[in-house]
Amino acid sequence: MADVRTDWSKEEISEIYHTPLMELVYRAATVHREHQETGEVQVCTLLSIKTGGCPEDCAYCPQSAHHDTDVEAEKMLDSADILSAAKRAKEAGSTRFCMGAAWRCGRETKDFDQVLEMVSEITDMDMEVCCTLGMLSDEQAAKLKEAGLYAYNHNLDSSEDFYNRIISTRKYQDRLDTIETVRENDISVCSGGIIGMGETDEDRIELIHNLSTMPEHPESVPVNALIAVEGTPLEDQPKVPWYDMARMIATARITMPDSMVRLSAGRVDMSMEEQALCFMAGANSIFTGEKLLTTDNNELEEDKKMFDILGLQPREAFKEAKEKHMPEKVEAAE
């Protein structure tokens, strides 16, 4: 069995990344079989609970107040609407429910208290609950943990150099600090990146290096393809080819064997056959539903048909979860 390592060198990762694609997918599939249940894919749902008006200037994001897009600043969704969305997601087969708010950081307001309430109530539905709310203080992370939060998403996005060229309102170290805060509060980490923003292969390799050399690998690694939105600085970026997604997924799988590798944004532009190659390369999670925050996503019925044709089975919630990450009121699946 391939060892779980945190001492990868950039040279090693570069060699993996540049392996001929079919050989790379085969190698990643071999690692995947050693560490994961083959044919098992977790179905997740992502809901924007507070959309638009974000003070950050991330060049890729249509929710930034700095960009002139069709996304308008909205108030926080009502609790009833959020719970209704979570129930529909569970009925449709999702076992992980992710809530995203267009904030720079967690807020000391009634909106944050509402998030805590939603975390608790959706956890009671036996779903994994993940949030992405920007930077967190230690106190905020502790409150989320107490409410039952299972995972926190905070993507590194890219290499440090490229990140600092497309975002000026915070630094790469801020991202790393938030991930450390999440870790210290025994919340599982969801952190990955976006490709197709104009970065080089070296930037992608550094991203994988930064994730795979953390003292503890992120339990969840989303691999996103840029959805170029009109009005953002990256609106003219070409679509990411499927084989670049497969290459990133395979490299992530080989370097982080025990992590969930999530085929995330950009899947809407991929055929079933292209997605199948990504599953072979080690992806074992998708997002389903009408939207990924503000951009289009794959139709539920299409995903059900794909699962049937490919012989994929939905992964249950909390499977093989570490005890320290489990909400107190939920028992871990074997």
C-alpha atoms as a PDB file:
ATOM      1  CA  MET A   1       0.000   0.000   0.000  1.00  0.00           C
ATOM      2  CA  ALA A   2       1.250   3.490  -0.867  1.00  0.00           C
ATOM      3  CA  ASP A   3       2.395   5.359   2.218  1.00  0.00           C
ATOM      4  CA  VAL A   4       0.658   8.532   3.370  1.00  0.00           C
ATOM      5  CA  ARG A   5       3.455  11.086   3.268  1.00  0.00           C
ATOM      6  CA  THR A   6       3.777  14.757   4.183  1.00  0.00           C
ATOM      7  CA  ASP A   7       7.364  15.158   2.969  1.00  0.00           C
ATOM      8  CA  TRP A   8       6.782  15.398  -0.789  1.00  0.00           C
ATOM      9  CA  SER A   9       9.279  17.505  -2.711  1.00  0.00           C
ATOM     10  CA  LYS A  10       8.232  19.757  -5.568  1.00  0.00           C
ATOM     11  CA  GLU A  11      10.460  17.708  -7.837  1.00  0.00           C
ATOM     12  CA  GLU A  12       8.601  14.505  -6.944  1.00  0.00           C
ATOM     13  CA  ILE A  13       5.229  16.139  -7.488  1.00  0.00           C
ATOM     14  CA  SER A  14       6.392  17.618 -10.786  1.00  0.00           C
ATOM     15  CA  GLU A  15       7.436  14.172 -11.972  1.00  0.00           C
ATOM     16  CA  ILE A  16       4.018  12.788 -11.034  1.00  0.00           C
ATOM     17  CA  TYR A  17       2.148  15.689 -12.626  1.00  0.00           C
ATOM     18  CA  HIS A  18       4.056  15.394 -15.922  1.00  0.00           C
ATOM     19  CA  THR A  19       3.587  11.618 -16.227  1.00  0.00           C
ATOM     20  CA  PRO A  20       1.877  10.680 -19.534  1.00  0.00           C
ATOM     21  CA  LEU A  21      -1.840  10.944 -18.859  1.00  0.00           C
ATOM     22  CA  MET A  22      -2.906   7.315 -19.251  1.00  0.00           C
ATOM     23  CA  GLU A  23      -0.019   6.095 -17.099  1.00  0.00           C
ATOM     24  CA  LEU A  24      -0.814   8.805 -14.552  1.00  0.00           C
ATOM     25  CA  VAL A  25      -4.475   7.783 -14.360  1.00  0.00           C
ATOM     26  CA  TYR A  26      -3.471   4.126 -13.967  1.00  0.00           C
ATOM     27  CA  ARG A  27      -1.067   4.971 -11.150  1.00  0.00           C
ATOM     28  CA  ALA A  28      -3.650   7.145  -9.406  1.00  0.00           C
ATOM     29  CA  ALA A  29      -6.311   4.441  -9.805  1.00  0.00           C
ATOM     30  CA  THR A  30      -3.960   1.949  -8.161  1.00  0.00           C
ATOM     31  CA  VAL A  31      -3.431   4.262  -5.176  1.00  0.00           C
ATOM     32  CA  HIS A  32      -7.157   4.940  -5.059  1.00  0.00           C
ATOM     33  CA  ARG A  33      -7.937   1.212  -4.821  1.00  0.00           C
ATOM     34  CA  GLU A  34      -5.478   0.828  -1.950  1.00  0.00           C
ATOM     35  CA  HIS A  35      -6.941   3.657   0.135  1.00  0.00           C
ATOM     36  CA  GLN A  36     -10.538   4.232  -0.991  1.00  0.00           C
ATOM     37  CA  GLU A  37     -13.660   2.253  -1.823  1.00  0.00           C
ATOM     38  CA  THR A  38     -13.801   2.056  -5.605  1.00  0.00           C
ATOM     39  CA  GLY A  39     -17.078   2.887  -7.288  1.00  0.00           C
ATOM     40  CA  GLU A  40     -18.129   5.010  -4.324  1.00  0.00           C
ATOM     41  CA  VAL A  41     -18.709   8.738  -4.793  1.00  0.00           C
ATOM     42  CA  GLN A  42     -20.021  11.172  -2.208  1.00  0.00           C
ATOM     43  CA  VAL A  43     -22.848  13.421  -3.377  1.00  0.00           C
ATOM     44  CA  CYS A  44     -22.705  16.930  -1.923  1.00  0.00           C
ATOM     45  CA  THR A  45     -24.825  20.061  -2.195  1.00  0.00           C
ATOM     46  CA  LEU A  46     -23.520  23.618  -1.936  1.00  0.00           C
ATOM     47  CA  LEU A  47     -25.865  26.486  -1.082  1.00  0.00           C
ATOM     48  CA  SER A  48     -25.056  30.201  -1.111  1.00  0.00           C
ATOM     49  CA  ILE A  49     -26.730  31.380   2.095  1.00  0.00           C
ATOM     50  CA  LYS A  50     -25.475  34.963   1.719  1.00  0.00           C
ATOM     51  CA  THR A  51     -24.798  36.022  -1.861  1.00  0.00           C
ATOM     52  CA  GLY A  52     -22.836  38.960  -3.302  1.00  0.00           C
ATOM     53  CA  GLY A  53     -21.326  42.153  -1.945  1.00  0.00           C
ATOM     54  CA  CYS A  54     -18.103  40.524  -0.778  1.00  0.00           C
ATOM     55  CA  PRO A  55     -15.372  43.110   0.019  1.00  0.00           C
ATOM     56  CA  GLU A  56     -12.642  40.795  -1.316  1.00  0.00           C
ATOM     57  CA  ASP A  57     -11.337  41.414  -4.844  1.00  0.00           C
ATOM     58  CA  CYS A  58     -10.692  37.793  -5.927  1.00  0.00           C
ATOM     59  CA  ALA A  59     -10.315  38.094  -9.699  1.00  0.00           C
ATOM     60  CA  TYR A  60     -12.302  34.916 -10.365  1.00  0.00           C
ATOM     61  CA  CYS A  61     -15.320  35.628  -8.182  1.00  0.00           C
ATOM     62  CA  PRO A  62     -18.599  37.132  -9.442  1.00  0.00           C
ATOM     63  CA  GLN A  63     -19.646  37.834  -5.839  1.00  0.00           C
ATOM     64  CA  SER A  64     -16.936  40.461  -5.329  1.00  0.00           C
ATOM     65  CA  ALA A  65     -18.213  44.004  -4.810  1.00  0.00           C
ATOM     66  CA  HIS A  66     -15.220  45.127  -6.883  1.00  0.00           C
ATOM     67  CA  HIS A  67     -16.585  43.529 -10.084  1.00  0.00           C
ATOM     68  CA  ASP A  68     -19.510  44.521 -12.280  1.00  0.00           C
ATOM     69  CA  THR A  69     -21.411  41.246 -12.691  1.00  0.00           C
ATOM     70  CA  ASP A  70     -25.039  40.177 -12.640  1.00  0.00           C
ATOM     71  CA  VAL A  71     -24.682  38.994  -9.048  1.00  0.00           C
ATOM     72  CA  GLU A  72     -26.379  41.423  -6.681  1.00  0.00           C
ATOM     73  CA  ALA A  73     -25.717  41.747  -2.962  1.00  0.00           C
ATOM     74  CA  GLU A  74     -28.443  39.950  -1.043  1.00  0.00           C
ATOM     75  CA  LYS A  75     -29.378  39.470   2.582  1.00  0.00           C
ATOM     76  CA  MET A  76     -28.888  36.212   4.420  1.00  0.00           C
ATOM     77  CA  LEU A  77     -31.391  33.536   3.438  1.00  0.00           C
ATOM     78  CA  ASP A  78     -34.130  32.779   5.929  1.00  0.00           C
ATOM     79  CA  SER A  79     -33.509  29.794   8.162  1.00  0.00           C
ATOM     80  CA  ALA A  80     -36.594  28.047   6.809  1.00  0.00           C
ATOM     81  CA  ASP A  81     -35.262  28.335   3.242  1.00  0.00           C
ATOM     82  CA  ILE A  82     -31.876  26.929   4.247  1.00  0.00           C
ATOM     83  CA  LEU A  83     -33.392  23.990   6.104  1.00  0.00           C
ATOM     84  CA  SER A  84     -35.754  23.304   3.215  1.00  0.00           C
ATOM     85  CA  ALA A  85     -32.787  23.220   0.814  1.00  0.00           C
ATOM     86  CA  ALA A  86     -30.923  20.826   3.127  1.00  0.00           C
ATOM     87  CA  LYS A  87     -33.933  18.492   3.330  1.00  0.00           C
ATOM     88  CA  ARG A  88     -34.328  18.481  -0.464  1.00  0.00           C
ATOM     89  CA  ALA A  89     -30.607  17.760  -0.829  1.00  0.00           C
ATOM     90  CA  LYS A  90     -30.821  14.793   1.530  1.00  0.00           C
ATOM     91  CA  GLU A  91     -33.898  13.440  -0.243  1.00  0.00           C
ATOM     92  CA  ALA A  92     -31.976  13.704  -3.529  1.00  0.00           C
ATOM     93  CA  GLY A  93     -29.110  11.648  -2.106  1.00  0.00           C
ATOM     94  CA  SER A  94     -26.655  14.227  -0.780  1.00  0.00           C
ATOM     95  CA  THR A  95     -24.842  13.273   2.417  1.00  0.00           C
ATOM     96  CA  ARG A  96     -22.851  16.504   2.755  1.00  0.00           C
ATOM     97  CA  PHE A  97     -24.420  19.963   2.863  1.00  0.00           C
ATOM     98  CA  CYS A  98     -22.174  22.973   2.378  1.00  0.00           C
ATOM     99  CA  MET A  99     -23.156  26.546   3.220  1.00  0.00           C
ATOM    100  CA  GLY A 100     -21.259  29.470   1.716  1.00  0.00           C
ATOM    101  CA  ALA A 101     -21.460  33.129   2.690  1.00  0.00           C
ATOM    102  CA  ALA A 102     -19.846  35.949   0.702  1.00  0.00           C
ATOM    103  CA  TRP A 103     -17.955  37.295   3.691  1.00  0.00           C
ATOM    104  CA  ARG A 104     -14.329  38.253   4.083  1.00  0.00           C
ATOM    105  CA  CYS A 105     -14.415  36.756   7.570  1.00  0.00           C
ATOM    106  CA  GLY A 106     -16.877  35.391  10.075  1.00  0.00           C
ATOM    107  CA  ARG A 107     -19.099  38.160  11.408  1.00  0.00           C
ATOM    108  CA  GLU A 108     -19.911  39.025  14.999  1.00  0.00           C
ATOM    109  CA  THR A 109     -23.591  39.485  14.151  1.00  0.00           C
ATOM    110  CA  LYS A 110     -26.913  37.709  14.298  1.00  0.00           C
ATOM    111  CA  ASP A 111     -26.091  36.275  10.861  1.00  0.00           C
ATOM    112  CA  PHE A 112     -23.257  34.225  12.373  1.00  0.00           C
ATOM    113  CA  ASP A 113     -25.580  33.090  15.149  1.00  0.00           C
ATOM    114  CA  GLN A 114     -28.013  31.975  12.454  1.00  0.00           C
ATOM    115  CA  VAL A 115     -25.234  29.946  10.810  1.00  0.00           C
ATOM    116  CA  LEU A 116     -24.583  28.225  14.134  1.00  0.00           C
ATOM    117  CA  GLU A 117     -28.252  27.356  14.433  1.00  0.00           C
ATOM    118  CA  MET A 118     -28.333  25.975  10.880  1.00  0.00           C
ATOM    119  CA  VAL A 119     -25.202  23.896  11.497  1.00  0.00           C
ATOM    120  CA  SER A 120     -26.828  22.328  14.537  1.00  0.00           C
ATOM    121  CA  GLU A 121     -30.165  21.613  12.846  1.00  0.00           C
ATOM    122  CA  ILE A 122     -28.684  20.159   9.663  1.00  0.00           C
ATOM    123  CA  THR A 123     -26.268  18.010  11.675  1.00  0.00           C
ATOM    124  CA  ASP A 124     -29.372  16.618  13.401  1.00  0.00           C
ATOM    125  CA  MET A 125     -30.398  15.397   9.930  1.00  0.00           C
ATOM    126  CA  ASP A 126     -27.304  13.131   9.954  1.00  0.00           C
ATOM    127  CA  MET A 127     -25.633  15.078   7.166  1.00  0.00           C
ATOM    128  CA  GLU A 128     -22.026  16.211   7.112  1.00  0.00           C
ATOM    129  CA  VAL A 129     -22.142  19.986   7.413  1.00  0.00           C
ATOM    130  CA  CYS A 130     -19.434  22.125   5.833  1.00  0.00           C
ATOM    131  CA  CYS A 131     -19.202  25.922   5.847  1.00  0.00           C
ATOM    132  CA  THR A 132     -17.157  28.467   3.941  1.00  0.00           C
ATOM    133  CA  LEU A 133     -17.422  31.851   5.624  1.00  0.00           C
ATOM    134  CA  GLY A 134     -14.012  33.427   5.028  1.00  0.00           C
ATOM    135  CA  MET A 135     -11.382  33.873   7.704  1.00  0.00           C
ATOM    136  CA  LEU A 136     -12.196  32.673  11.221  1.00  0.00           C
ATOM    137  CA  SER A 137     -11.099  33.670  14.687  1.00  0.00           C
ATOM    138  CA  ASP A 138     -10.381  30.961  17.219  1.00  0.00           C
ATOM    139  CA  GLU A 139     -13.573  31.867  19.082  1.00  0.00           C
ATOM    140  CA  GLN A 140     -15.685  31.564  15.935  1.00  0.00           C
ATOM    141  CA  ALA A 141     -14.158  28.204  15.051  1.00  0.00           C
ATOM    142  CA  ALA A 142     -14.853  26.960  18.584  1.00  0.00           C
ATOM    143  CA  LYS A 143     -18.500  28.026  18.307  1.00  0.00           C
ATOM    144  CA  LEU A 144     -18.868  26.258  14.959  1.00  0.00           C
ATOM    145  CA  LYS A 145     -17.346  23.105  16.420  1.00  0.00           C
ATOM    146  CA  GLU A 146     -19.698  23.241  19.407  1.00  0.00           C
ATOM    147  CA  ALA A 147     -22.666  23.623  17.038  1.00  0.00           C
ATOM    148  CA  GLY A 148     -21.632  20.399  15.314  1.00  0.00           C
ATOM    149  CA  LEU A 149     -19.725  21.603  12.251  1.00  0.00           C
ATOM    150  CA  TYR A 150     -17.927  18.713  10.602  1.00  0.00           C
ATOM    151  CA  ALA A 151     -15.860  20.496   7.949  1.00  0.00           C
ATOM    152  CA  TYR A 152     -14.667  23.946   6.973  1.00  0.00           C
ATOM    153  CA  ASN A 153     -13.757  24.941   3.432  1.00  0.00           C
ATOM    154  CA  HIS A 154     -10.953  27.425   2.866  1.00  0.00           C
ATOM    155  CA  ASN A 155      -9.224  26.915  -0.474  1.00  0.00           C
ATOM    156  CA  LEU A 156      -5.611  27.896  -1.094  1.00  0.00           C
ATOM    157  CA  ASP A 157      -6.675  28.511  -4.721  1.00  0.00           C
ATOM    158  CA  SER A 158      -3.193  28.364  -6.290  1.00  0.00           C
ATOM    159  CA  SER A 159       0.485  28.923  -5.549  1.00  0.00           C
ATOM    160  CA  GLU A 160       1.359  31.773  -3.216  1.00  0.00           C
ATOM    161  CA  ASP A 161       2.870  33.891  -5.998  1.00  0.00           C
ATOM    162  CA  PHE A 162      -0.104  33.511  -8.323  1.00  0.00           C
ATOM    163  CA  TYR A 163      -2.578  33.997  -5.476  1.00  0.00           C
ATOM    164  CA  ASN A 164      -1.002  37.331  -4.596  1.00  0.00           C
ATOM    165  CA  ARG A 165      -1.349  38.434  -8.224  1.00  0.00           C
ATOM    166  CA  ILE A 166      -5.112  37.846  -8.427  1.00  0.00           C
ATOM    167  CA  ILE A 167      -6.119  38.846  -4.879  1.00  0.00           C
ATOM    168  CA  SER A 168      -4.961  41.956  -3.037  1.00  0.00           C
ATOM    169  CA  THR A 169      -7.384  42.128  -0.109  1.00  0.00           C
ATOM    170  CA  ARG A 170      -5.726  39.342   1.861  1.00  0.00           C
ATOM    171  CA  LYS A 171      -2.521  37.325   1.828  1.00  0.00           C
ATOM    172  CA  TYR A 172      -1.808  33.652   1.307  1.00  0.00           C
ATOM    173  CA  GLN A 173      -0.676  33.415   4.904  1.00  0.00           C
ATOM    174  CA  ASP A 174      -4.162  34.504   5.989  1.00  0.00           C
ATOM    175  CA  ARG A 175      -5.495  31.387   4.284  1.00  0.00           C
ATOM    176  CA  LEU A 176      -2.948  29.178   5.997  1.00  0.00           C
ATOM    177  CA  ASP A 177      -3.689  30.781   9.367  1.00  0.00           C
ATOM    178  CA  THR A 178      -7.412  30.078   9.016  1.00  0.00           C
ATOM    179  CA  ILE A 179      -6.726  26.445   8.117  1.00  0.00           C
ATOM    180  CA  GLU A 180      -4.547  26.148  11.213  1.00  0.00           C
ATOM    181  CA  THR A 181      -7.332  27.670  13.343  1.00  0.00           C
ATOM    182  CA  VAL A 182      -9.799  25.134  11.938  1.00  0.00           C
ATOM    183  CA  ARG A 183      -7.361  22.294  12.694  1.00  0.00           C
ATOM    184  CA  GLU A 184      -6.776  23.480  16.248  1.00  0.00           C
ATOM    185  CA  ASN A 185     -10.522  23.291  16.867  1.00  0.00           C
ATOM    186  CA  ASP A 186     -10.804  19.688  15.600  1.00  0.00           C
ATOM    187  CA  ILE A 187     -12.847  20.580  12.520  1.00  0.00           C
ATOM    188  CA  SER A 188     -11.944  18.658   9.371  1.00  0.00           C
ATOM    189  CA  VAL A 189     -10.274  20.725   6.657  1.00  0.00           C
ATOM    190  CA  CYS A 190     -11.584  21.131   3.121  1.00  0.00           C
ATOM    191  CA  SER A 191      -8.979  22.917   1.011  1.00  0.00           C
ATOM    192  CA  GLY A 192      -8.083  22.745  -2.650  1.00  0.00           C
ATOM    193  CA  GLY A 193      -7.775  25.088  -5.570  1.00  0.00           C
ATOM    194  CA  ILE A 194      -8.883  26.421  -8.923  1.00  0.00           C
ATOM    195  CA  ILE A 195      -7.211  25.810 -12.254  1.00  0.00           C
ATOM    196  CA  GLY A 196      -7.663  27.763 -15.469  1.00  0.00           C
ATOM    197  CA  MET A 197      -7.046  31.236 -14.033  1.00  0.00           C
ATOM    198  CA  GLY A 198      -3.914  31.792 -16.116  1.00  0.00           C
ATOM    199  CA  GLU A 199      -1.560  29.979 -13.743  1.00  0.00           C
ATOM    200  CA  THR A 200       1.335  27.833 -14.947  1.00  0.00           C
ATOM    201  CA  ASP A 201       1.913  24.121 -14.404  1.00  0.00           C
ATOM    202  CA  GLU A 202       4.467  25.150 -11.781  1.00  0.00           C
ATOM    203  CA  ASP A 203       1.740  27.053  -9.890  1.00  0.00           C
ATOM    204  CA  ARG A 204      -0.448  23.953  -9.922  1.00  0.00           C
ATOM    205  CA  ILE A 205       2.422  21.786  -8.720  1.00  0.00           C
ATOM    206  CA  GLU A 206       3.150  24.236  -5.890  1.00  0.00           C
ATOM    207  CA  LEU A 207      -0.520  24.175  -4.858  1.00  0.00           C
ATOM    208  CA  ILE A 208      -0.424  20.379  -4.559  1.00  0.00           C
ATOM    209  CA  HIS A 209       2.895  20.653  -2.726  1.00  0.00           C
ATOM    210  CA  ASN A 210       1.482  23.139  -0.213  1.00  0.00           C
ATOM    211  CA  LEU A 211      -1.512  20.905   0.483  1.00  0.00           C
ATOM    212  CA  SER A 212       0.336  17.582   0.597  1.00  0.00           C
ATOM    213  CA  THR A 213       3.093  18.811   2.921  1.00  0.00           C
ATOM    214  CA  MET A 214       0.758  20.145   5.590  1.00  0.00           C
ATOM    215  CA  PRO A 215       1.361  18.360   8.923  1.00  0.00           C
ATOM    216  CA  GLU A 216      -1.975  16.654   8.273  1.00  0.00           C
ATOM    217  CA  HIS A 217      -3.471  16.409   4.792  1.00  0.00           C
ATOM    218  CA  PRO A 218      -6.823  18.125   4.240  1.00  0.00           C
ATOM    219  CA  GLU A 219      -9.544  15.537   4.644  1.00  0.00           C
ATOM    220  CA  SER A 220     -11.206  17.056   1.592  1.00  0.00           C
ATOM    221  CA  VAL A 221      -9.470  18.456  -1.525  1.00  0.00           C
ATOM    222  CA  PRO A 222     -11.761  20.181  -4.063  1.00  0.00           C
ATOM    223  CA  VAL A 223     -10.372  20.499  -7.579  1.00  0.00           C
ATOM    224  CA  ASN A 224     -12.192  23.334  -9.366  1.00  0.00           C
ATOM    225  CA  ALA A 225     -12.051  24.539 -12.953  1.00  0.00           C
ATOM    226  CA  LEU A 226     -12.573  28.259 -13.398  1.00  0.00           C
ATOM    227  CA  ILE A 227     -16.047  29.269 -14.507  1.00  0.00           C
ATOM    228  CA  ALA A 228     -15.217  32.512 -16.330  1.00  0.00           C
ATOM    229  CA  VAL A 229     -17.962  35.032 -15.513  1.00  0.00           C
ATOM    230  CA  GLU A 230     -18.578  38.204 -17.482  1.00  0.00           C
ATOM    231  CA  GLY A 231     -17.611  41.274 -15.484  1.00  0.00           C
ATOM    232  CA  THR A 232     -14.747  39.620 -13.607  1.00  0.00           C
ATOM    233  CA  PRO A 233     -11.082  40.230 -14.531  1.00  0.00           C
ATOM    234  CA  LEU A 234     -10.845  36.598 -15.675  1.00  0.00           C
ATOM    235  CA  GLU A 235     -13.899  36.693 -17.936  1.00  0.00           C
ATOM    236  CA  ASP A 236     -11.854  35.943 -21.074  1.00  0.00           C
ATOM    237  CA  GLN A 237     -10.039  32.886 -19.745  1.00  0.00           C
ATOM    238  CA  PRO A 238     -10.600  29.806 -21.925  1.00  0.00           C
ATOM    239  CA  LYS A 239     -12.383  26.762 -20.524  1.00  0.00           C
ATOM    240  CA  VAL A 240     -10.205  24.242 -18.764  1.00  0.00           C
ATOM    241  CA  PRO A 241      -9.826  21.033 -20.789  1.00  0.00           C
ATOM    242  CA  TRP A 242     -11.022  17.890 -19.037  1.00  0.00           C
ATOM    243  CA  TYR A 243      -7.588  16.305 -19.205  1.00  0.00           C
ATOM    244  CA  ASP A 244      -6.129  19.100 -17.070  1.00  0.00           C
ATOM    245  CA  MET A 245      -8.753  18.321 -14.431  1.00  0.00           C
ATOM    246  CA  ALA A 246      -7.917  14.617 -14.634  1.00  0.00           C
ATOM    247  CA  ARG A 247      -4.214  15.398 -14.279  1.00  0.00           C
ATOM    248  CA  MET A 248      -4.779  17.558 -11.181  1.00  0.00           C
ATOM    249  CA  ILE A 249      -7.102  15.002  -9.610  1.00  0.00           C
ATOM    250  CA  ALA A 250      -4.652  12.162 -10.226  1.00  0.00           C
ATOM    251  CA  THR A 251      -1.748  14.135  -8.755  1.00  0.00           C
ATOM    252  CA  ALA A 252      -3.826  15.003  -5.696  1.00  0.00           C
ATOM    253  CA  ARG A 253      -4.888  11.377  -5.260  1.00  0.00           C
ATOM    254  CA  ILE A 254      -1.336  10.028  -5.420  1.00  0.00           C
ATOM    255  CA  THR A 255       0.065  12.600  -3.001  1.00  0.00           C
ATOM    256  CA  MET A 256      -2.911  12.595  -0.597  1.00  0.00           C
ATOM    257  CA  PRO A 257      -4.224   9.000  -0.709  1.00  0.00           C
ATOM    258  CA  ASP A 258      -6.629   9.170   2.237  1.00  0.00           C
ATOM    259  CA  SER A 259      -8.242  12.496   1.315  1.00  0.00           C
ATOM    260  CA  MET A 260     -11.572  12.898  -0.423  1.00  0.00           C
ATOM    261  CA  VAL A 261     -10.764  14.421  -3.817  1.00  0.00           C
ATOM    262  CA  ARG A 262     -13.739  16.398  -5.053  1.00  0.00           C
ATOM    263  CA  LEU A 263     -14.542  16.956  -8.731  1.00  0.00           C
ATOM    264  CA  SER A 264     -16.041  20.380  -8.181  1.00  0.00           C
ATOM    265  CA  ALA A 265     -16.654  23.517 -10.292  1.00  0.00           C
ATOM    266  CA  GLY A 266     -16.344  23.021 -14.034  1.00  0.00           C
ATOM    267  CA  ARG A 267     -17.939  19.580 -14.087  1.00  0.00           C
ATOM    268  CA  VAL A 268     -20.938  21.090 -15.873  1.00  0.00           C
ATOM    269  CA  ASP A 269     -18.817  21.417 -19.019  1.00  0.00           C
ATOM    270  CA  MET A 270     -17.645  17.792 -18.964  1.00  0.00           C
ATOM    271  CA  SER A 271     -19.210  14.813 -20.710  1.00  0.00           C
ATOM    272  CA  MET A 272     -19.994  11.631 -18.795  1.00  0.00           C
ATOM    273  CA  GLU A 273     -16.967   9.977 -20.383  1.00  0.00           C
ATOM    274  CA  GLU A 274     -14.675  12.804 -19.257  1.00  0.00           C
ATOM    275  CA  GLN A 275     -16.060  12.631 -15.732  1.00  0.00           C
ATOM    276  CA  ALA A 276     -15.518   8.866 -15.754  1.00  0.00           C
ATOM    277  CA  LEU A 277     -11.801   9.419 -16.411  1.00  0.00           C
ATOM    278  CA  CYS A 278     -11.714  11.779 -13.439  1.00  0.00           C
ATOM    279  CA  PHE A 279     -13.323   9.127 -11.222  1.00  0.00           C
ATOM    280  CA  MET A 280     -10.751   6.633 -12.458  1.00  0.00           C
ATOM    281  CA  ALA A 281      -8.046   9.192 -11.616  1.00  0.00           C
ATOM    282  CA  GLY A 282      -9.201   9.286  -8.001  1.00  0.00           C
ATOM    283  CA  ALA A 283     -12.116  11.698  -7.663  1.00  0.00           C
ATOM    284  CA  ASN A 284     -14.673  10.370  -5.204  1.00  0.00           C
ATOM    285  CA  SER A 285     -17.007  13.286  -4.628  1.00  0.00           C
ATOM    286  CA  ILE A 286     -19.202  15.587  -6.702  1.00  0.00           C
ATOM    287  CA  PHE A 287     -21.523  18.509  -6.098  1.00  0.00           C
ATOM    288  CA  THR A 288     -25.017  18.162  -7.474  1.00  0.00           C
ATOM    289  CA  GLY A 289     -27.929  20.567  -7.695  1.00  0.00           C
ATOM    290  CA  GLU A 290     -28.873  23.558  -9.818  1.00  0.00           C
ATOM    291  CA  LYS A 291     -26.129  25.899  -8.607  1.00  0.00           C
ATOM    292  CA  LEU A 292     -22.593  25.944  -7.240  1.00  0.00           C
ATOM    293  CA  LEU A 293     -22.998  29.155  -5.246  1.00  0.00           C
ATOM    294  CA  THR A 294     -23.876  31.404  -8.222  1.00  0.00           C
ATOM    295  CA  THR A 295     -22.817  29.371 -11.299  1.00  0.00           C
ATOM    296  CA  ASP A 296     -24.683  26.603 -13.115  1.00  0.00           C
ATOM    297  CA  ASN A 297     -24.201  22.999 -12.068  1.00  0.00           C
ATOM    298  CA  ASN A 298     -25.136  19.557 -13.357  1.00  0.00           C
ATOM    299  CA  GLU A 299     -28.759  18.370 -13.372  1.00  0.00           C
ATOM    300  CA  LEU A 300     -29.640  15.836 -10.676  1.00  0.00           C
ATOM    301  CA  GLU A 301     -31.280  13.451 -13.126  1.00  0.00           C
ATOM    302  CA  GLU A 302     -28.170  13.513 -15.334  1.00  0.00           C
ATOM    303  CA  ASP A 303     -26.038  12.586 -12.337  1.00  0.00           C
ATOM    304  CA  LYS A 304     -28.366   9.738 -11.370  1.00  0.00           C
ATOM    305  CA  LYS A 305     -28.157   8.397 -14.924  1.00  0.00           C
ATOM    306  CA  MET A 306     -24.361   8.688 -14.851  1.00  0.00           C
ATOM    307  CA  PHE A 307     -24.188   6.790 -11.555  1.00  0.00           C
ATOM    308  CA  ASP A 308     -26.337   4.017 -13.035  1.00  0.00           C
ATOM    309  CA  ILE A 309     -24.277   3.709 -16.206  1.00  0.00           C
ATOM    310  CA  LEU A 310     -20.892   3.842 -14.447  1.00  0.00           C
ATOM    311  CA  GLY A 311     -21.975   1.627 -11.554  1.00  0.00           C
ATOM    312  CA  LEU A 312     -21.248   4.265  -8.930  1.00  0.00           C
ATOM    313  CA  GLN A 313     -22.679   4.129  -5.424  1.00  0.00           C
ATOM    314  CA  PRO A 314     -23.286   7.148  -3.156  1.00  0.00           C
ATOM    315  CA  ARG A 315     -20.962   7.337  -0.149  1.00  0.00           C
ATOM    316  CA  GLU A 316     -22.667   7.598   3.219  1.00  0.00           C
ATOM    317  CA  ALA A 317     -22.111  10.498   5.587  1.00  0.00           C
ATOM    318  CA  PHE A 318     -19.210  10.426   8.060  1.00  0.00           C
ATOM    319  CA  LYS A 319     -17.714   7.271   6.585  1.00  0.00           C
ATOM    320  CA  GLU A 320     -14.270   6.638   8.126  1.00  0.00           C
ATOM    321  CA  ALA A 321     -14.429  10.004   9.872  1.00  0.00           C
ATOM    322  CA  LYS A 322     -11.847  10.681  12.555  1.00  0.00           C
ATOM    323  CA  GLU A 323     -13.351  10.637  16.008  1.00  0.00           C
ATOM    324  CA  LYS A 324     -12.098  14.143  16.817  1.00  0.00           C
ATOM    325  CA  HIS A 325     -14.050  15.564  13.865  1.00  0.00           C
ATOM    326  CA  MET A 326     -17.355  13.880  14.673  1.00  0.00           C
ATOM    327  CA  PRO A 327     -20.218  15.957  16.065  1.00  0.00           C
ATOM    328  CA  GLU A 328     -20.992  14.666  19.551  1.00  0.00           C
ATOM    329  CA  LYS A 329     -24.555  13.717  18.645  1.00  0.00           C
ATOM    330  CA  VAL A 330     -23.625  11.642  15.566  1.00  0.00           C
ATOM    331  CA  GLU A 331     -22.089   8.181  15.391  1.00  0.00           C
ATOM    332  CA  ALA A 332     -19.407   7.607  12.764  1.00  0.00           C
ATOM    333  CA  ALA A 333     -20.051   5.179   9.922  1.00  0.00           C
ATOM    334  CA  GLU A 334     -17.648   2.271   9.607  1.00  0.00           C
END
